[in-house]
Amino acid sequence: MRYNPDLKTKYEDLRAAGKPAKLAIVAIMRKLIEMANALVKADRLWVKKGA
């Protein structure tokens, strides 16, 4: 969670809610896969938020 502040916040929220670290990491992995699939499906490149 070093490079994406939004995902880092989501991870920290899950941990603060008492979720195990592995579960939080898997949830973040799923989010990354969903984002990657959406980019491929739309034939778009990643654009950093606020850029």
Protein backbone atom coordinates (compact mmCIF):
# COMPACT_ATOMS: atom_id res chain seq x y z
CA MET A 1 0.00 0.00 0.00
CA ARG A 2 2.96 2.30 -0.51
CA TYR A 3 1.98 3.90 -3.78
CA ASN A 4 -1.78 4.39 -3.85
CA PRO A 5 -3.18 6.58 -1.06
CA ASP A 6 -6.79 5.51 -1.76
CA LEU A 7 -6.01 1.82 -1.43
CA LYS A 8 -3.84 2.48 1.61
CA THR A 9 -6.78 4.21 3.28
CA LYS A 10 -9.07 1.28 2.42
CA TYR A 11 -6.52 -1.17 3.86
CA GLU A 12 -6.16 0.85 7.06
CA ASP A 13 -9.96 1.09 7.41
CA LEU A 14 -10.30 -2.68 7.09
CA ARG A 15 -7.56 -3.22 9.68
CA ALA A 16 -9.15 -0.67 12.04
CA ALA A 17 -12.43 -2.58 11.70
CA GLY A 18 -10.66 -5.63 13.12
CA LYS A 19 -10.18 -7.55 9.88
CA PRO A 20 -7.11 -9.80 9.63
CA ALA A 21 -4.18 -8.47 7.60
CA LYS A 22 -4.48 -11.24 4.99
CA LEU A 23 -8.16 -10.50 4.41
CA ALA A 24 -7.42 -6.80 3.98
CA ILE A 25 -4.62 -7.54 1.50
CA VAL A 26 -6.85 -9.87 -0.52
CA ALA A 27 -9.56 -7.18 -0.61
CA ILE A 28 -7.01 -4.70 -1.97
CA MET A 29 -5.77 -7.25 -4.53
CA ARG A 30 -9.34 -7.73 -5.71
CA LYS A 31 -9.78 -3.96 -6.09
CA LEU A 32 -6.57 -3.77 -8.15
CA ILE A 33 -7.75 -6.61 -10.40
CA GLU A 34 -11.14 -4.92 -10.87
CA MET A 35 -9.43 -1.64 -11.80
CA ALA A 36 -7.06 -3.39 -14.22
CA ASN A 37 -9.94 -5.26 -15.88
CA ALA A 38 -11.91 -2.03 -16.27
CA LEU A 39 -8.92 -0.33 -17.91
CA VAL A 40 -8.37 -3.23 -20.32
CA LYS A 41 -12.07 -3.46 -21.15
CA ALA A 42 -12.26 0.29 -21.89
CA ASP A 43 -8.88 0.23 -23.70
CA ARG A 44 -7.60 3.04 -21.48
CA LEU A 45 -4.38 3.82 -19.67
CA TRP A 46 -4.08 4.46 -15.96
CA VAL A 47 -4.37 8.16 -15.12
CA LYS A 48 -3.31 9.20 -11.65
CA LYS A 49 -6.07 10.97 -9.73
CA GLY A 50 -5.61 14.73 -9.80
CA ALA A 51 -3.30 14.62 -12.81
